[in-house]
C-alpha atoms as a PDB file:
ATOM      1  CA  MET A   1       0.992  53.203   2.195  1.00  0.00           C
ATOM      2  CA  LEU A   2       3.415  50.945   0.354  1.00  0.00           C
ATOM      3  CA  TYR A   3       3.138  48.450   3.508  1.00  0.00           C
ATOM      4  CA  LYS A   4      -0.379  48.883   3.925  1.00  0.00           C
ATOM      5  CA  TYR A   5      -1.261  47.539   0.606  1.00  0.00           C
ATOM      6  CA  TYR A   6       0.986  45.261   0.750  1.00  0.00           C
ATOM      7  CA  LEU A   7      -0.782  43.290   3.629  1.00  0.00           C
ATOM      8  CA  LEU A   8      -3.685  43.672   2.323  1.00  0.00           C
ATOM      9  CA  PHE A   9      -2.199  41.734  -0.277  1.00  0.00           C
ATOM     10  CA  LEU A  10      -1.226  39.202   1.711  1.00  0.00           C
ATOM     11  CA  THR A  11      -4.313  38.920   3.037  1.00  0.00           C
ATOM     12  CA  MET A  12      -6.070  38.292  -0.153  1.00  0.00           C
ATOM     13  CA  LEU A  13      -3.834  36.066  -1.225  1.00  0.00           C
ATOM     14  CA  PHE A  14      -4.379  33.804   1.763  1.00  0.00           C
ATOM     15  CA  ILE A  15      -8.486  34.110   1.262  1.00  0.00           C
ATOM     16  CA  GLY A  16      -8.188  33.121  -2.166  1.00  0.00           C
ATOM     17  CA  ARG A  17      -6.078  30.239  -1.562  1.00  0.00           C
ATOM     18  CA  SER A  18      -7.808  29.042   1.940  1.00  0.00           C
ATOM     19  CA  TYR A  19     -11.233  29.135   0.634  1.00  0.00           C
ATOM     20  CA  GLY A  20     -13.673  26.154   1.205  1.00  0.00           C
ATOM     21  CA  GLN A  21     -10.756  24.471   3.316  1.00  0.00           C
ATOM     22  CA  GLN A  22     -12.119  22.560   6.385  1.00  0.00           C
ATOM     23  CA  VAL A  23     -10.759  20.678   9.306  1.00  0.00           C
ATOM     24  CA  GLU A  24     -12.003  17.214   9.740  1.00  0.00           C
ATOM     25  CA  GLN A  25     -10.839  15.283  13.018  1.00  0.00           C
ATOM     26  CA  LEU A  26     -10.447  11.649  12.466  1.00  0.00           C
ATOM     27  CA  THR A  27     -10.090   9.419  15.096  1.00  0.00           C
ATOM     28  CA  SER A  28      -7.653   6.251  15.344  1.00  0.00           C
ATOM     29  CA  GLY A  29     -10.088   3.580  17.138  1.00  0.00           C
ATOM     30  CA  GLU A  30      -6.995   2.452  18.501  1.00  0.00           C
ATOM     31  CA  PRO A  31      -5.195   2.716  21.834  1.00  0.00           C
ATOM     32  CA  VAL A  32      -1.952   4.280  20.515  1.00  0.00           C
ATOM     33  CA  SER A  33      -0.119   7.229  21.380  1.00  0.00           C
ATOM     34  CA  ILE A  34       0.265   8.005  17.250  1.00  0.00           C
ATOM     35  CA  ARG A  35       4.215   9.427  16.796  1.00  0.00           C
ATOM     36  CA  GLY A  36       4.749   9.234  12.775  1.00  0.00           C
ATOM     37  CA  LEU A  37       2.795  10.461   9.967  1.00  0.00           C
ATOM     38  CA  SER A  38       3.569   9.685   6.226  1.00  0.00           C
ATOM     39  CA  VAL A  39       0.767  10.325   3.526  1.00  0.00           C
ATOM     40  CA  VAL A  40       1.299   9.280   0.081  1.00  0.00           C
ATOM     41  CA  SER A  41      -1.642  10.813  -1.449  1.00  0.00           C
ATOM     42  CA  ASP A  42      -5.273  11.935  -0.637  1.00  0.00           C
ATOM     43  CA  ASP A  43      -5.831   8.141  -0.016  1.00  0.00           C
ATOM     44  CA  VAL A  44      -2.996   6.494   1.480  1.00  0.00           C
ATOM     45  CA  ILE A  45      -2.106   6.937   4.758  1.00  0.00           C
ATOM     46  CA  TRP A  46       0.431   5.638   7.364  1.00  0.00           C
ATOM     47  CA  VAL A  47       1.138   6.630  11.268  1.00  0.00           C
ATOM     48  CA  SER A  48       3.375   4.738  13.622  1.00  0.00           C
ATOM     49  CA  GLY A  49       3.605   5.218  17.465  1.00  0.00           C
ATOM     50  CA  SER A  50       3.284   3.473  20.822  1.00  0.00           C
ATOM     51  CA  ARG A  51       3.110  -0.528  21.353  1.00  0.00           C
ATOM     52  CA  GLY A  52       5.295  -1.064  18.292  1.00  0.00           C
ATOM     53  CA  LYS A  53       1.977  -0.296  16.190  1.00  0.00           C
ATOM     54  CA  VAL A  54       1.829   0.476  12.663  1.00  0.00           C
ATOM     55  CA  GLY A  55      -1.776   1.975  11.172  1.00  0.00           C
ATOM     56  CA  ARG A  56      -2.504   2.300   7.365  1.00  0.00           C
ATOM     57  CA  SER A  57      -5.843   3.876   5.546  1.00  0.00           C
ATOM     58  CA  VAL A  58      -6.097   3.793   2.015  1.00  0.00           C
ATOM     59  CA  ASN A  59      -9.807   5.630   1.957  1.00  0.00           C
ATOM     60  CA  GLY A  60      -8.462   8.678   3.055  1.00  0.00           C
ATOM     61  CA  GLY A  61      -8.700   8.108   7.184  1.00  0.00           C
ATOM     62  CA  ALA A  62     -12.261   6.869   6.866  1.00  0.00           C
ATOM     63  CA  ASN A  63     -11.103   3.411   7.675  1.00  0.00           C
ATOM     64  CA  TRP A  64      -7.822   1.986   9.155  1.00  0.00           C
ATOM     65  CA  THR A  65      -6.136  -1.065   9.884  1.00  0.00           C
ATOM     66  CA  TRP A  66      -3.509  -1.648  13.056  1.00  0.00           C
ATOM     67  CA  MET A  67      -0.964  -3.973  12.428  1.00  0.00           C
ATOM     68  CA  GLN A  68       1.600  -4.479  15.708  1.00  0.00           C
ATOM     69  CA  VAL A  69       5.138  -5.430  14.604  1.00  0.00           C
ATOM     70  CA  PRO A  70       5.989  -8.621  16.848  1.00  0.00           C
ATOM     71  CA  GLY A  71       8.796  -7.971  19.235  1.00  0.00           C
ATOM     72  CA  TYR A  72       8.309  -4.524  19.377  1.00  0.00           C
ATOM     73  CA  GLU A  73       5.604  -4.246  21.544  1.00  0.00           C
ATOM     74  CA  LYS A  74       6.998  -2.192  24.195  1.00  0.00           C
ATOM     75  CA  ARG A  75       8.727  -0.100  22.071  1.00  0.00           C
ATOM     76  CA  GLU A  76       7.668   3.596  19.562  1.00  0.00           C
ATOM     77  CA  PHE A  77       7.802   4.421  16.716  1.00  0.00           C
ATOM     78  CA  ARG A  78       8.976   7.645  16.463  1.00  0.00           C
ATOM     79  CA  ASP A  79       8.786   8.455  12.758  1.00  0.00           C
ATOM     80  CA  ILE A  80       7.584   6.592   9.662  1.00  0.00           C
ATOM     81  CA  GLU A  81       8.275   7.130   5.806  1.00  0.00           C
ATOM     82  CA  ALA A  82       5.936   5.536   3.211  1.00  0.00           C
ATOM     83  CA  LEU A  83       6.555   4.666  -0.355  1.00  0.00           C
ATOM     84  CA  ASP A  84       3.503   3.672  -1.510  1.00  0.00           C
ATOM     85  CA  SER A  85       0.190   1.764  -0.469  1.00  0.00           C
ATOM     86  CA  ASN A  86       2.705  -1.322   0.712  1.00  0.00           C
ATOM     87  CA  THR A  87       5.675   0.012   0.756  1.00  0.00           C
ATOM     88  CA  ALA A  88       6.674   1.657   4.306  1.00  0.00           C
ATOM     89  CA  ILE A  89       9.590   1.880   6.920  1.00  0.00           C
ATOM     90  CA  ILE A  90       9.262   2.877  10.429  1.00  0.00           C
ATOM     91  CA  LEU A  91      12.126   4.090  12.973  1.00  0.00           C
ATOM     92  CA  ALA A  92      12.111   2.334  16.358  1.00  0.00           C
ATOM     93  CA  ILE A  93      13.481   3.647  19.660  1.00  0.00           C
ATOM     94  CA  SER A  94      15.762   3.392  21.729  1.00  0.00           C
ATOM     95  CA  GLU A  95      18.544   1.051  22.485  1.00  0.00           C
ATOM     96  CA  PRO A  96      19.369  -0.876  20.128  1.00  0.00           C
ATOM     97  CA  GLY A  97      17.898   1.652  17.406  1.00  0.00           C
ATOM     98  CA  ALA A  98      16.170   0.165  14.756  1.00  0.00           C
ATOM     99  CA  ILE A  99      14.445   0.797  11.149  1.00  0.00           C
ATOM    100  CA  LEU A 100      12.474  -1.529   9.614  1.00  0.00           C
ATOM    101  CA  LYS A 101      10.372  -1.997   6.146  1.00  0.00           C
ATOM    102  CA  THR A 102       7.526  -3.542   4.919  1.00  0.00           C
ATOM    103  CA  SER A 103       7.043  -4.096   1.292  1.00  0.00           C
ATOM    104  CA  ASP A 104       3.476  -6.385   1.793  1.00  0.00           C
ATOM    105  CA  GLY A 105       1.766  -3.462   3.735  1.00  0.00           C
ATOM    106  CA  GLY A 106       2.490  -4.175   7.014  1.00  0.00           C
ATOM    107  CA  LEU A 107       2.000  -8.042   7.031  1.00  0.00           C
ATOM    108  CA  THR A 108       5.851  -8.492   7.703  1.00  0.00           C
ATOM    109  CA  TRP A 109       8.732  -6.268   8.253  1.00  0.00           C
ATOM    110  CA  LYS A 110      12.344  -6.925   8.160  1.00  0.00           C
ATOM    111  CA  THR A 111      15.176  -4.980  10.389  1.00  0.00           C
ATOM    112  CA  VAL A 112      16.928  -3.148   7.739  1.00  0.00           C
ATOM    113  CA  TYR A 113      19.273  -1.562   9.669  1.00  0.00           C
ATOM    114  CA  ALA A 114      20.126  -1.241  13.704  1.00  0.00           C
ATOM    115  CA  ASP A 115      22.814  -0.039  15.668  1.00  0.00           C
ATOM    116  CA  SER A 116      22.798  -1.788  19.732  1.00  0.00           C
ATOM    117  CA  SER A 117      25.341   1.445  20.659  1.00  0.00           C
ATOM    118  CA  LYS A 118      25.288   2.266  24.444  1.00  0.00           C
ATOM    119  CA  GLY A 119      23.231   5.665  24.445  1.00  0.00           C
ATOM    120  CA  VAL A 120      22.095   5.438  20.615  1.00  0.00           C
ATOM    121  CA  PHE A 121      18.321   7.167  20.219  1.00  0.00           C
ATOM    122  CA  MET A 122      17.341   7.490  16.905  1.00  0.00           C
ATOM    123  CA  ASP A 123      14.818  10.266  16.292  1.00  0.00           C
ATOM    124  CA  ALA A 124      13.722  10.669  12.904  1.00  0.00           C
ATOM    125  CA  PHE A 125      14.292  10.386   9.014  1.00  0.00           C
ATOM    126  CA  HIS A 126      13.950  12.441   5.626  1.00  0.00           C
ATOM    127  CA  PHE A 127      13.553  10.819   2.276  1.00  0.00           C
ATOM    128  CA  GLU A 128      14.220  12.741  -1.513  1.00  0.00           C
ATOM    129  CA  GLY A 129      13.830   9.704  -3.592  1.00  0.00           C
ATOM    130  CA  PRO A 130      16.068   6.780  -3.146  1.00  0.00           C
ATOM    131  CA  ARG A 131      17.953   8.849  -0.659  1.00  0.00           C
ATOM    132  CA  GLY A 132      17.367   8.847   2.882  1.00  0.00           C
ATOM    133  CA  THR A 133      19.226  10.343   6.084  1.00  0.00           C
ATOM    134  CA  VAL A 134      18.397   9.580   9.973  1.00  0.00           C
ATOM    135  CA  ILE A 135      19.320  11.824  12.529  1.00  0.00           C
ATOM    136  CA  GLY A 136      19.810  10.767  16.463  1.00  0.00           C
ATOM    137  CA  ASP A 137      20.768  12.180  19.816  1.00  0.00           C
ATOM    138  CA  PRO A 138      24.546  12.868  20.139  1.00  0.00           C
ATOM    139  CA  LEU A 139      26.713  10.234  20.862  1.00  0.00           C
ATOM    140  CA  ASP A 140      30.316  11.353  21.674  1.00  0.00           C
ATOM    141  CA  GLY A 141      29.584  14.709  21.514  1.00  0.00           C
ATOM    142  CA  THR A 142      28.461  15.087  17.760  1.00  0.00           C
ATOM    143  CA  ILE A 143      25.458  14.375  15.990  1.00  0.00           C
ATOM    144  CA  TYR A 144      24.100  10.701  15.309  1.00  0.00           C
ATOM    145  CA  LEU A 145      23.612  10.238  11.392  1.00  0.00           C
ATOM    146  CA  ALA A 146      23.111   7.397   9.335  1.00  0.00           C
ATOM    147  CA  ALA A 147      22.104   7.390   5.331  1.00  0.00           C
ATOM    148  CA  THR A 148      20.587   5.160   2.580  1.00  0.00           C
ATOM    149  CA  ASN A 149      21.009   5.375  -1.649  1.00  0.00           C
ATOM    150  CA  ASP A 150      18.561   2.688  -2.107  1.00  0.00           C
ATOM    151  CA  HIS A 151      14.735   3.530  -0.529  1.00  0.00           C
ATOM    152  CA  GLY A 152      15.607   1.853   3.096  1.00  0.00           C
ATOM    153  CA  ASN A 153      17.290  -1.376   1.970  1.00  0.00           C
ATOM    154  CA  THR A 154      20.610  -0.483   3.506  1.00  0.00           C
ATOM    155  CA  TRP A 155      22.172   2.191   5.734  1.00  0.00           C
ATOM    156  CA  ARG A 156      25.298   3.412   6.318  1.00  0.00           C
ATOM    157  CA  ARG A 157      26.859   5.670   9.397  1.00  0.00           C
ATOM    158  CA  ILE A 158      27.660   8.825   8.419  1.00  0.00           C
ATOM    159  CA  GLN A 159      31.233  10.099  10.192  1.00  0.00           C
ATOM    160  CA  ASN A 160      32.792  13.470  11.046  1.00  0.00           C
ATOM    161  CA  THR A 161      29.161  14.989  11.818  1.00  0.00           C
ATOM    162  CA  PRO A 162      28.471  18.486  14.116  1.00  0.00           C
ATOM    163  CA  ALA A 163      29.643  18.946  17.311  1.00  0.00           C
ATOM    164  CA  VAL A 164      27.444  19.564  19.762  1.00  0.00           C
ATOM    165  CA  ASP A 165      26.852  21.456  23.315  1.00  0.00           C
ATOM    166  CA  THR A 166      26.712  19.555  26.047  1.00  0.00           C
ATOM    167  CA  GLY A 167      23.106  18.965  26.775  1.00  0.00           C
ATOM    168  CA  GLU A 168      21.781  19.148  23.617  1.00  0.00           C
ATOM    169  CA  ALA A 169      19.669  16.872  21.642  1.00  0.00           C
ATOM    170  CA  CYS A 170      17.309  16.342  18.773  1.00  0.00           C
ATOM    171  CA  PHE A 171      13.428  16.573  19.232  1.00  0.00           C
ATOM    172  CA  ALA A 172      12.104  12.506  18.432  1.00  0.00           C
ATOM    173  CA  SER A 173       8.551  12.810  17.598  1.00  0.00           C
ATOM    174  CA  SER A 174       6.751  13.048  14.579  1.00  0.00           C
ATOM    175  CA  GLY A 175       9.716  13.075  12.720  1.00  0.00           C
ATOM    176  CA  PHE A 176       8.240  15.973  10.059  1.00  0.00           C
ATOM    177  CA  TYR A 177      11.311  18.684  11.690  1.00  0.00           C
ATOM    178  CA  PHE A 178      13.864  17.108   9.846  1.00  0.00           C
ATOM    179  CA  GLN A 179      15.137  18.788   6.818  1.00  0.00           C
ATOM    180  CA  TRP A 180      15.894  21.365   9.685  1.00  0.00           C
ATOM    181  CA  GLN A 181      16.730  20.051  12.632  1.00  0.00           C
ATOM    182  CA  CYS A 182      16.550  22.384  15.826  1.00  0.00           C
ATOM    183  CA  SER A 183      18.043  21.287  19.227  1.00  0.00           C
ATOM    184  CA  ILE A 184      18.073  23.720  22.534  1.00  0.00           C
ATOM    185  CA  ASN A 185      19.861  26.557  20.347  1.00  0.00           C
ATOM    186  CA  GLN A 186      20.998  25.150  17.254  1.00  0.00           C
ATOM    187  CA  THR A 187      19.394  24.265  14.035  1.00  0.00           C
ATOM    188  CA  TRP A 188      21.440  22.437  11.381  1.00  0.00           C
ATOM    189  CA  GLN A 189      21.064  22.978   7.900  1.00  0.00           C
ATOM    190  CA  LYS A 190      22.424  20.728   5.130  1.00  0.00           C
ATOM    191  CA  THR A 191      25.078  22.120   3.322  1.00  0.00           C
ATOM    192  CA  GLY A 192      25.651  19.045   0.485  1.00  0.00           C
ATOM    193  CA  ASN A 193      24.877  15.897  -0.542  1.00  0.00           C
ATOM    194  CA  TYR A 194      23.995  12.890   2.045  1.00  0.00           C
ATOM    195  CA  ASN A 195      27.523  11.760   2.034  1.00  0.00           C
ATOM    196  CA  SER A 196      28.319  15.106   3.842  1.00  0.00           C
ATOM    197  CA  CYS A 197      27.763  16.708   7.172  1.00  0.00           C
ATOM    198  CA  TYR A 198      25.279  19.696   8.129  1.00  0.00           C
ATOM    199  CA  SER A 199      26.475  23.273   8.980  1.00  0.00           C
ATOM    200  CA  PRO A 200      24.914  24.139  12.855  1.00  0.00           C
ATOM    201  CA  ALA A 201      23.811  28.025  13.200  1.00  0.00           C
ATOM    202  CA  ARG A 202      22.391  29.743  16.131  1.00  0.00           C
ATOM    203  CA  LEU A 203      18.791  30.646  16.772  1.00  0.00           C
ATOM    204  CA  PRO A 204      17.730  33.689  18.432  1.00  0.00           C
ATOM    205  CA  GLN A 205      14.993  31.749  20.178  1.00  0.00           C
ATOM    206  CA  PHE A 206      13.946  28.258  20.542  1.00  0.00           C
ATOM    207  CA  GLY A 207      10.729  27.007  18.972  1.00  0.00           C
ATOM    208  CA  GLY A 208       8.946  25.670  15.658  1.00  0.00           C
ATOM    209  CA  MET A 209       6.141  23.601  14.487  1.00  0.00           C
ATOM    210  CA  ALA A 210       5.775  20.768  12.104  1.00  0.00           C
ATOM    211  CA  PHE A 211       2.965  19.546   9.534  1.00  0.00           C
ATOM    212  CA  ARG A 212       2.274  17.572   6.478  1.00  0.00           C
ATOM    213  CA  ALA A 213       0.978  18.799   3.022  1.00  0.00           C
ATOM    214  CA  LYS A 214      -0.396  17.268   0.022  1.00  0.00           C
ATOM    215  CA  PRO A 215      -1.169  19.455  -3.163  1.00  0.00           C
ATOM    216  CA  TYR A 216      -5.387  19.748  -1.672  1.00  0.00           C
ATOM    217  CA  ASN A 217      -5.251  18.200   1.725  1.00  0.00           C
ATOM    218  CA  LEU A 218      -2.816  18.896   5.209  1.00  0.00           C
ATOM    219  CA  TRP A 219      -2.505  16.943   7.703  1.00  0.00           C
ATOM    220  CA  HIS A 220      -1.763  17.205  10.979  1.00  0.00           C
ATOM    221  CA  ILE A 221      -1.092  14.563  14.420  1.00  0.00           C
ATOM    222  CA  GLY A 222      -1.462  15.295  18.001  1.00  0.00           C
ATOM    223  CA  CYS A 223      -1.631  13.598  21.471  1.00  0.00           C
ATOM    224  CA  ARG A 224      -0.592  13.902  24.995  1.00  0.00           C
ATOM    225  CA  TYR A 225       2.121  12.611  26.028  1.00  0.00           C
ATOM    226  CA  GLN A 226       3.394  12.352  29.603  1.00  0.00           C
END
């Protein structure tokens, strides 16, 4: 009986918090495979994707401004972190891996980090205030990590990162999974400050999903990728 009351409570809680919510499908209006999404507010949204494209909306997705970063026409930006309507950081794959930043709404971009190591593939990053971490596929048998303490202006490679099993790699689309990072059969949990390593934990099965939410709106992006 207690179990039934518990389920009833959860159902009422869900209904109470979800009333009046609607999902609106938006179109980008641009021939681009969208990979990254960063929601600053209900009005300001940034996206990134294929063909070196970055998009920005300042009116909740009603209208979009698209820009192509020079020199990256054949590259993909797999993740984006926007700080405000003018400032954003993007992550380019694969070799050389690069992180770029704009402070003028995407009119110009500056390379703030680059790694030309053979096999480098940076997948996603996560920010908490001025501090951020980028994660990438393993190099020399360990997870690739780099960090910033100044809103992405400068980055440094993190050493002594977790070892991985043969064939393991990171998920390289959308970027939303990284504070918990899933691979084939492990997840890496952040265990300390941004100078520390991540500890692996075995998973009983592989799976997951991701989205981004703000106080009143939830944003989800999707695409077909072949």
